[in-house]
Protein backbone atom coordinates (compact mmCIF):
# COMPACT_ATOMS: atom_id res chain seq x y z
CA UNK A 1 56.74 -8.84 55.12
CA UNK A 2 54.63 -11.78 53.88
CA UNK A 3 51.97 -11.19 56.55
CA UNK A 4 52.01 -7.45 55.78
CA UNK A 5 51.43 -8.11 52.07
CA UNK A 6 48.60 -10.52 52.89
CA UNK A 7 46.89 -7.93 55.11
CA UNK A 8 47.26 -5.25 52.40
CA UNK A 9 45.75 -7.57 49.78
CA UNK A 10 42.79 -8.55 51.99
CA UNK A 11 42.10 -4.89 52.85
CA UNK A 12 42.13 -3.94 49.16
CA UNK A 13 39.64 -6.71 48.35
CA UNK A 14 37.31 -5.59 51.16
CA UNK A 15 37.45 -1.99 49.95
CA UNK A 16 36.61 -3.00 46.39
CA UNK A 17 33.73 -5.26 47.45
CA UNK A 18 32.36 -2.40 49.56
CA UNK A 19 32.71 0.02 46.62
CA UNK A 20 30.82 -2.20 44.20
CA UNK A 21 28.05 -2.74 46.73
CA UNK A 22 27.66 0.95 47.50
CA UNK A 23 28.01 2.46 44.05
CA UNK A 24 27.05 -0.25 41.58
CA UNK A 25 29.82 -1.85 39.58
CA UNK A 26 31.51 0.45 37.12
CA UNK A 27 34.67 -0.03 35.10
CA UNK A 28 37.21 2.55 34.06
CA UNK A 29 39.92 4.76 35.50
CA UNK A 30 42.44 2.96 37.78
CA UNK A 31 40.23 0.03 38.69
CA UNK A 32 36.82 -0.38 40.34
CA UNK A 33 37.49 2.18 43.09
CA UNK A 34 40.01 4.47 41.32
CA UNK A 35 42.79 3.57 43.78
CA UNK A 36 44.98 1.74 41.26
CA UNK A 37 44.58 -1.50 43.24
CA UNK A 38 43.09 -4.35 41.20
CA UNK A 39 41.25 -7.34 42.79
CA UNK A 40 43.20 -10.05 40.97
CA UNK A 41 44.49 -13.40 42.21
CA UNK A 42 46.60 -16.20 40.77
CA UNK A 43 49.16 -13.90 39.15
CA UNK A 44 52.83 -14.61 38.51
CA UNK A 45 55.19 -13.47 41.26
CA UNK A 46 58.18 -13.52 38.89
CA UNK A 47 58.17 -12.89 35.14
CA UNK A 48 60.19 -14.71 32.48
CA UNK A 49 63.32 -12.84 31.38
CA UNK A 50 61.56 -11.78 28.17
CA UNK A 51 58.49 -10.64 30.10
CA UNK A 52 54.93 -12.02 30.29
CA UNK A 53 53.50 -13.76 27.23
CA UNK A 54 51.86 -11.46 24.68
CA UNK A 55 48.25 -12.56 24.12
CA UNK A 56 47.12 -10.02 21.54
CA UNK A 57 47.89 -6.53 20.34
CA UNK A 58 46.15 -3.78 18.40
CA UNK A 59 47.51 -0.91 16.33
CA UNK A 60 45.75 2.09 14.87
CA UNK A 61 43.54 2.77 17.90
CA UNK A 62 44.34 6.48 17.67
CA UNK A 63 46.87 8.51 19.59
CA UNK A 64 46.27 9.05 23.26
CA UNK A 65 47.29 8.66 26.89
CA UNK A 66 44.07 7.21 28.28
CA UNK A 67 43.88 3.75 29.80
CA UNK A 68 41.79 0.80 28.71
CA UNK A 69 38.37 0.12 30.22
CA UNK A 70 37.95 -3.65 30.51
CA UNK A 71 34.52 -5.10 31.28
CA UNK A 72 33.16 -8.65 31.51
CA UNK A 73 32.87 -9.01 27.75
CA UNK A 74 34.65 -6.10 26.05
CA UNK A 75 37.64 -3.75 26.01
CA UNK A 76 37.10 -0.03 25.36
CA UNK A 77 39.72 2.59 24.57
CA UNK A 78 39.81 6.15 23.26
CA UNK A 79 42.25 7.70 20.78
CA UNK A 80 42.56 10.67 18.46
CA UNK A 81 42.70 10.41 14.69
CA UNK A 82 43.69 13.75 13.18
CA UNK A 83 41.48 16.13 15.21
CA UNK A 84 38.73 13.66 16.13
CA UNK A 85 38.32 11.70 19.37
CA UNK A 86 37.40 8.06 18.67
CA UNK A 87 36.05 5.32 20.97
CA UNK A 88 36.91 1.75 19.93
CA UNK A 89 35.57 -1.55 21.28
CA UNK A 90 37.26 -4.96 21.13
CA UNK A 91 36.09 -8.31 22.35
CA UNK A 92 38.13 -10.16 24.96
CA UNK A 93 40.15 -11.94 22.24
CA UNK A 94 41.20 -8.71 20.54
CA UNK A 95 38.72 -8.68 17.65
CA UNK A 96 37.62 -5.15 16.81
CA UNK A 97 33.87 -4.77 17.30
CA UNK A 98 33.26 -1.15 16.37
CA UNK A 99 34.68 2.37 16.41
CA UNK A 100 32.79 5.66 16.74
CA UNK A 101 33.63 9.36 16.82
CA UNK A 102 32.61 11.26 19.95
CA UNK A 103 34.01 14.79 19.51
CA UNK A 104 37.08 16.85 18.78
CA UNK A 105 40.43 16.98 20.53
CA UNK A 106 41.47 20.07 22.46
CA UNK A 107 42.87 22.63 20.04
CA UNK A 108 46.03 24.72 20.29
CA UNK A 109 47.51 22.92 23.29
CA UNK A 110 50.54 20.70 23.66
CA UNK A 111 49.78 16.97 23.79
CA UNK A 112 46.15 17.27 22.56
CA UNK A 113 45.72 13.52 22.06
CA UNK A 114 42.82 11.68 23.76
CA UNK A 115 43.10 11.42 27.54
CA UNK A 116 39.65 10.35 28.72
CA UNK A 117 39.50 6.76 29.96
CA UNK A 118 36.00 5.41 29.17
CA UNK A 119 33.65 4.68 32.07
CA UNK A 120 31.33 1.68 31.77
CA UNK A 121 28.19 1.49 33.90
CA UNK A 122 25.02 -0.57 33.41
CA UNK A 123 25.70 -1.47 29.77
CA UNK A 124 26.58 2.07 28.74
CA UNK A 125 29.90 3.78 28.05
CA UNK A 126 30.62 7.42 28.99
CA UNK A 127 33.41 9.51 27.47
CA UNK A 128 34.43 13.19 27.42
CA UNK A 129 36.02 14.72 24.33
CA UNK A 130 38.86 17.21 24.28
CA UNK A 131 36.35 19.98 23.59
CA UNK A 132 34.10 19.09 26.53
CA UNK A 133 31.42 16.92 24.95
CA UNK A 134 30.13 14.28 27.36
CA UNK A 135 28.68 11.35 25.39
CA UNK A 136 26.85 8.17 26.30
CA UNK A 137 27.01 5.11 24.01
CA UNK A 138 25.38 1.71 24.28
CA UNK A 139 27.33 -1.55 23.99
CA UNK A 140 26.75 -1.62 20.22
CA UNK A 141 28.42 1.78 19.78
CA UNK A 142 25.20 3.72 19.17
CA UNK A 143 24.99 7.23 20.60
CA UNK A 144 22.35 7.49 23.33
CA UNK A 145 22.87 11.17 24.21
CA UNK A 146 25.54 13.85 24.38
CA UNK A 147 26.01 17.32 25.83
CA UNK A 148 28.77 19.89 25.44
CA UNK A 149 28.92 20.86 29.10
CA UNK A 150 31.77 23.33 28.59
CA UNK A 151 29.63 25.34 26.19
CA UNK A 152 26.51 24.84 28.29
CA UNK A 153 28.21 26.30 31.39
CA UNK A 154 30.39 28.83 29.58
CA UNK A 155 33.46 27.21 31.16
CA UNK A 156 37.04 28.13 30.25
CA UNK A 157 39.07 25.27 28.79
CA UNK A 158 42.00 24.24 31.00
CA UNK A 159 45.43 25.33 29.79
CA UNK A 160 46.39 21.82 28.65
CA UNK A 161 42.95 20.67 27.57
CA UNK A 162 40.30 18.45 29.10
CA UNK A 163 41.49 15.23 30.71
CA UNK A 164 38.52 14.12 32.80
CA UNK A 165 37.25 10.55 32.96
CA UNK A 166 33.65 10.69 34.25
CA UNK A 167 32.60 9.00 37.47
CA UNK A 168 29.10 7.53 37.91
CA UNK A 169 27.05 7.29 41.12
CA UNK A 170 23.38 6.44 41.66
CA UNK A 171 22.52 6.75 37.95
CA UNK A 172 24.24 10.12 37.71
CA UNK A 173 27.34 10.78 35.61
CA UNK A 174 29.52 13.59 36.95
CA UNK A 175 31.48 16.22 35.01
CA UNK A 176 33.49 19.25 36.16
CA UNK A 177 33.15 22.38 34.00
CA UNK A 178 34.37 24.87 36.60
CA UNK A 179 34.17 28.59 35.90
CA UNK A 180 31.55 31.05 37.09
CA UNK A 181 28.39 28.99 36.52
CA UNK A 182 28.90 25.53 38.04
CA UNK A 183 31.89 23.83 39.62
CA UNK A 184 30.49 20.36 38.98
CA UNK A 185 27.37 18.94 37.31
CA UNK A 186 25.48 15.65 37.50
CA UNK A 187 23.64 14.35 34.43
CA UNK A 188 21.08 11.55 34.35
CA UNK A 189 22.77 8.47 32.88
CA UNK A 190 19.74 7.59 30.76
CA UNK A 191 18.92 10.86 29.01
CA UNK A 192 21.66 13.39 29.85
CA UNK A 193 19.32 15.76 31.69
CA UNK A 194 20.81 17.84 34.50
CA UNK A 195 20.15 16.41 37.97
CA UNK A 196 22.11 18.92 40.06
CA UNK A 197 24.67 21.70 39.75
CA UNK A 198 27.32 22.67 42.29
CA UNK A 199 27.60 26.36 43.04
CA UNK A 200 30.62 27.87 41.28
CA UNK A 201 33.95 28.37 43.02
CA UNK A 202 34.70 31.05 40.42
CA UNK A 203 37.84 29.39 39.16
CA UNK A 204 38.67 26.95 36.40
CA UNK A 205 38.61 23.20 36.66
CA UNK A 206 41.68 20.98 36.62
CA UNK A 207 42.81 17.65 35.12
CA UNK A 208 41.54 15.40 37.89
CA UNK A 209 39.56 12.19 37.60
CA UNK A 210 37.48 12.57 40.80
CA UNK A 211 37.40 10.02 43.61
CA UNK A 212 34.10 8.59 44.86
CA UNK A 213 33.85 7.41 48.48
CA UNK A 214 31.18 6.62 51.07
CA UNK A 215 31.53 7.59 54.74
CA UNK A 216 28.78 6.93 57.29
CA UNK A 217 26.13 6.77 54.60
CA UNK A 218 27.33 9.91 52.80
CA UNK A 219 28.50 9.39 49.23
CA UNK A 220 31.06 12.07 48.45
CA UNK A 221 33.05 13.15 45.41
CA UNK A 222 36.58 14.38 46.12
CA UNK A 223 38.40 16.46 43.53
CA UNK A 224 40.46 19.62 42.93
CA UNK A 225 39.72 23.10 41.73
CA UNK A 226 42.56 25.48 40.89
CA UNK A 227 43.04 26.31 44.57
CA UNK A 228 41.18 23.79 46.69
CA UNK A 229 40.73 20.13 47.44
CA UNK A 230 36.94 19.80 47.57
CA UNK A 231 34.31 17.28 48.68
CA UNK A 232 30.77 17.35 47.27
CA UNK A 233 27.69 15.42 48.34
CA UNK A 234 26.93 13.05 45.45
CA UNK A 235 23.22 13.22 46.26
CA UNK A 236 22.71 16.92 45.62
CA UNK A 237 26.09 18.37 44.57
CA UNK A 238 26.41 20.63 47.60
CA UNK A 239 29.89 21.48 48.84
CA UNK A 240 30.71 19.57 52.05
CA UNK A 241 34.15 21.07 52.64
CA UNK A 242 37.10 22.63 50.87
CA UNK A 243 40.77 22.83 51.81
CA UNK A 244 43.18 25.48 50.54
CA UNK A 245 45.68 23.11 48.94
CA UNK A 246 47.60 25.98 47.37
CA UNK A 247 48.51 27.27 50.83
CA UNK A 248 50.69 24.24 51.62
CA UNK A 249 52.95 24.67 48.61
CA UNK A 250 56.51 25.67 49.41
CA UNK A 251 56.95 26.92 45.85
CA UNK A 252 54.62 29.91 45.39
CA UNK A 253 55.64 30.69 41.82
CA UNK A 254 53.68 29.98 38.68
CA UNK A 255 50.43 28.20 37.92
CA UNK A 256 49.73 24.81 39.45
CA UNK A 257 48.36 21.77 37.66
CA UNK A 258 46.39 19.20 39.64
CA UNK A 259 46.41 15.87 37.82
CA UNK A 260 46.35 12.91 40.19
CA UNK A 261 43.27 11.35 41.80
CA UNK A 262 43.51 11.85 45.60
CA UNK A 263 43.77 8.98 48.09
CA UNK A 264 41.24 8.51 50.89
CA UNK A 265 41.51 6.27 53.95
CA UNK A 266 39.83 6.33 57.37
CA UNK A 267 39.03 10.04 57.50
CA UNK A 268 42.17 11.26 55.78
CA UNK A 269 42.79 12.54 52.24
CA UNK A 270 46.18 12.63 50.56
CA UNK A 271 46.84 14.79 47.50
CA UNK A 272 50.04 15.03 45.49
CA UNK A 273 50.85 16.59 42.13
CA UNK A 274 53.88 17.55 40.07
CA UNK A 275 55.32 20.93 39.10
CA UNK A 276 57.20 21.39 42.41
CA UNK A 277 54.04 21.19 44.47
CA UNK A 278 54.03 20.04 48.08
CA UNK A 279 51.93 16.98 48.84
CA UNK A 280 49.59 17.05 51.83
CA UNK A 281 47.65 14.68 54.05
CA UNK A 282 44.60 16.28 55.61
CA UNK A 283 42.09 15.13 58.20
CA UNK A 284 38.51 15.42 56.99
CA UNK A 285 34.99 14.71 58.21
CA UNK A 286 31.57 14.90 56.65
CA UNK A 287 29.72 16.51 59.55
CA UNK A 288 30.49 20.13 58.71
CA UNK A 289 33.96 20.33 60.28
CA UNK A 290 36.72 22.03 58.33
CA UNK A 291 39.68 19.91 57.12
CA UNK A 292 43.01 20.30 58.91
CA UNK A 293 46.55 19.67 57.75
CA UNK A 294 48.21 16.56 59.22
CA UNK A 295 51.55 16.65 57.40
CA UNK A 296 53.08 17.80 54.14
CA UNK A 297 55.98 16.53 52.08
CA UNK A 298 57.52 18.33 49.07
CA UNK A 299 59.42 15.24 47.87
CA UNK A 300 56.51 13.15 46.59
CA UNK A 301 55.12 15.08 43.64
CA UNK A 302 54.02 12.66 40.90
CA UNK A 303 53.60 14.22 37.48
CA UNK A 304 50.96 12.22 35.55
CA UNK A 305 51.54 8.71 36.93
CA UNK A 306 49.41 8.87 40.05
CA UNK A 307 50.17 7.23 43.39
CA UNK A 308 48.72 4.47 45.54
CA UNK A 309 48.51 3.44 49.17
CA UNK A 310 49.48 -0.11 50.01
CA UNK A 311 49.71 -1.02 53.68
CA UNK A 312 51.38 1.87 55.51
CA UNK A 313 53.22 3.29 52.51
CA UNK A 314 52.42 5.59 49.61
CA UNK A 315 54.20 4.72 46.36
CA UNK A 316 54.66 7.01 43.38
CA UNK A 317 57.25 9.00 41.48
CA UNK A 318 58.74 12.48 41.53
CA UNK A 319 58.51 15.25 38.97
CA UNK A 320 62.08 16.58 39.05
CA UNK A 321 61.37 18.21 35.67
CA UNK A 322 59.33 17.36 32.57
CA UNK A 323 62.04 15.00 31.34
CA UNK A 324 63.13 13.35 34.56
CA UNK A 325 61.76 11.82 37.74
CA UNK A 326 62.50 9.12 40.31
CA UNK A 327 60.51 6.61 42.35
CA UNK A 328 59.54 7.30 45.94
CA UNK A 329 58.00 5.72 49.05
CA UNK A 330 56.45 7.78 51.87
CA UNK A 331 55.09 6.65 55.24
CA UNK A 332 51.30 7.19 55.33
CA UNK A 333 51.20 7.87 59.06
CA UNK A 334 54.15 10.25 59.48
CA UNK A 335 54.80 11.70 56.02
CA UNK A 336 58.44 10.63 56.25
CA UNK A 337 60.18 9.83 52.96
CA UNK A 338 61.41 6.25 53.22
CA UNK A 339 63.40 6.22 49.99
CA UNK A 340 63.84 7.94 46.63
CA UNK A 341 65.64 6.13 43.83
CA UNK A 342 66.28 6.14 40.08
CA UNK A 343 64.77 3.46 37.84
CA UNK A 344 64.83 4.62 34.22
CA UNK A 345 62.36 7.49 34.73
CA UNK A 346 59.15 8.60 36.44
CA UNK A 347 55.88 6.96 35.52
CA UNK A 348 52.64 5.33 36.65
CA UNK A 349 52.02 2.79 39.40
CA UNK A 350 49.27 0.24 40.04
CA UNK A 351 48.98 -2.85 42.25
CA UNK A 352 47.52 -6.34 42.30
CA UNK A 353 47.82 -9.26 44.71
CA UNK A 354 50.13 -7.30 47.00
CA UNK A 355 52.72 -6.35 44.35
CA UNK A 356 53.40 -3.10 42.49
CA UNK A 357 53.50 -2.61 38.73
CA UNK A 358 55.43 0.47 37.57
CA UNK A 359 55.49 1.78 33.98
CA UNK A 360 58.14 4.37 33.29
CA UNK A 361 57.29 7.02 30.75
CA UNK A 362 60.53 7.50 28.80
CA UNK A 363 61.43 4.11 27.32
CA UNK A 364 58.47 1.92 28.30
CA UNK A 365 60.01 -0.35 30.90
CA UNK A 366 57.50 -2.14 33.14
CA UNK A 367 58.64 -3.42 36.52
CA UNK A 368 57.14 -5.90 38.96
CA UNK A 369 58.01 -4.60 42.42
CA UNK A 370 57.90 -6.03 45.92
CA UNK A 371 56.52 -3.29 48.22
CA UNK A 372 59.05 -2.20 50.81
CA UNK A 373 59.79 0.75 53.05
CA UNK A 374 63.50 0.06 52.63
CA UNK A 375 64.16 0.17 48.88
CA UNK A 376 62.73 -0.13 45.39
CA UNK A 377 62.82 -3.92 45.06
CA UNK A 378 62.29 -4.74 41.36
CA UNK A 379 61.60 -8.46 40.93
CA UNK A 380 61.20 -8.59 37.13
CA UNK A 381 60.92 -6.21 34.19
CA UNK A 382 60.41 -6.01 30.44
CA UNK A 383 60.10 -3.27 27.83
CA UNK A 384 57.24 -2.22 25.56
CA UNK A 385 58.87 -1.25 22.26
CA UNK A 386 55.95 -0.59 19.92
CA UNK A 387 54.01 2.67 19.69
CA UNK A 388 55.28 6.21 19.95
CA UNK A 389 55.20 9.26 22.24
CA UNK A 390 55.41 9.35 26.04
CA UNK A 391 54.35 6.24 27.94
CA UNK A 392 51.74 8.13 29.98
CA UNK A 393 48.87 5.66 29.92
CA UNK A 394 48.34 3.80 33.22
CA UNK A 395 48.38 -0.02 32.90
CA UNK A 396 45.26 -2.05 33.68
CA UNK A 397 44.98 -5.57 35.14
CA UNK A 398 41.88 -7.66 34.47
CA UNK A 399 41.17 -11.42 34.37
CA UNK A 400 44.83 -12.24 34.83
CA UNK A 401 45.94 -9.96 31.99
CA UNK A 402 48.00 -6.79 31.80
CA UNK A 403 46.71 -4.12 29.39
CA UNK A 404 49.36 -1.64 28.25
CA UNK A 405 48.90 1.31 25.92
CA UNK A 406 51.58 3.33 24.10
CA UNK A 407 50.29 5.96 21.71
CA UNK A 408 48.14 4.26 19.06
CA UNK A 409 49.30 0.79 20.15
CA UNK A 410 47.81 -1.53 22.78
CA UNK A 411 49.22 -4.82 24.05
CA UNK A 412 47.68 -7.47 26.29
CA UNK A 413 49.92 -9.83 28.30
CA UNK A 414 49.16 -12.91 30.39
CA UNK A 415 49.98 -12.57 34.07
CA UNK A 416 48.47 -15.89 35.14
CA UNK A 417 50.65 -18.20 37.19
CA UNK A 418 51.00 -21.69 35.78
C-alpha cells in the first residue's frame, strides 16, 4: 500500500506540473487542474483528537457554497448578502483587504446563495454571478470589465441557478450560456471581447465547472450539456466530440442535473452525477473518432461533492436521496464497486500527499482517510461547528493549510507536520 500511495502522489505531482506548464498557472476550483488533488507535502498523517490547529477564521463573508481561491498572496471567496453576490479578499493572515459586489443571485430558486468559486489568472480574478454576469477584477478589487453573457446570448437560466466557475486558457476565459445561440463562449481576459463562440446544441447548460486538458497538443474543454458529455477545442471553440450521456442512465424518469467536473486519464473520461443517474467511463480520442462506452455503474452517483481518481480507484459518495448518502470506492479499470459504507452522510472529497479528505454535508465532520479498495479507513476526524446551512463547499489545501467554508463562515487550519 505504501508504494501504491507513493506512486499515486508522484503521478499527481507530474500531472499538476504539466498542467501549469501547458495552461499557465491559475487558481480556483478543486486545485490547479480541477481534479481535487493538491500538490502539498509535509502534511500531518494523523490529526490530534480535537482536530488540526485553527489558524484564523472569518465570519460575515456572505452565504454560499463556493470554495476558496487561494493564491500566493491572497485568499478570495464569494458570498451572497441579501440578493447581491459579493467577492471578498483576505491576505494570507486573515486580514480583510476588500469586498466588492459583482452581480445578483439567482432569483426564485432554492438555494440561491453564491456558488461560483473565483478563478485567479495573471493577477486578475474572474467570477460569475447568479444572474450570469461574468466579471473581471484586478488584485485591488477594481472592476476591469464585465458582461452579462446570459442576456447577451438569450440563454435560459438553469432550473437551480448558475453555478459555473470559469476556466481560463491561453488568455481566454470560458463561460457556458447554452441555449439556441451558443453552447460555450470564450472572452478575452483583458477586455471581455468575444474570441469565439461554440455552435449551439439547442439545449440548456448545466451546473458543471468544465475540465481543461491537453492531449497530443490539443487543448480541450470537457463539460456537460443537458444530454451530452462534450469536448471543445479551446483554440476555436469547435466541437470535437459528444457522447449521449443520457442514454446510459438506467433511470429514464425526470430531469437530470449534471453537477460534477468529469475525470480524464489516458484517453478515458469518467462522469458521475446524482439524482439516480448511472455513471459512465468512456473511451475518447481527439482525432475525430466518436466516444465509446467502456463501462457504467449506477452505484456511484455523487450529488454535489464531486469525485476523484487516486491510483486505480475512484472515490466519492452516493446520492441515495437529498438528505442521505454514503461513501463509495469504484475500480477505475473495471467499474466494479469495491465498497459502499456509511460515515455520517454524503459530501465532498479532495486529496493531498496520497491521503483523502472527506467533508460530509449534514453535520460538518471532516475525515482524514487512507485510500483503500477494501474499506473506508478513517484515520482522524473533527467537526466544523460554526456557520449554517448545508456543508456543500469543497475544502481547499494550500501551503500546508486546510480552508473550510460553511455558509458565511470560513476557517483555516494548519495541516503541517511538526
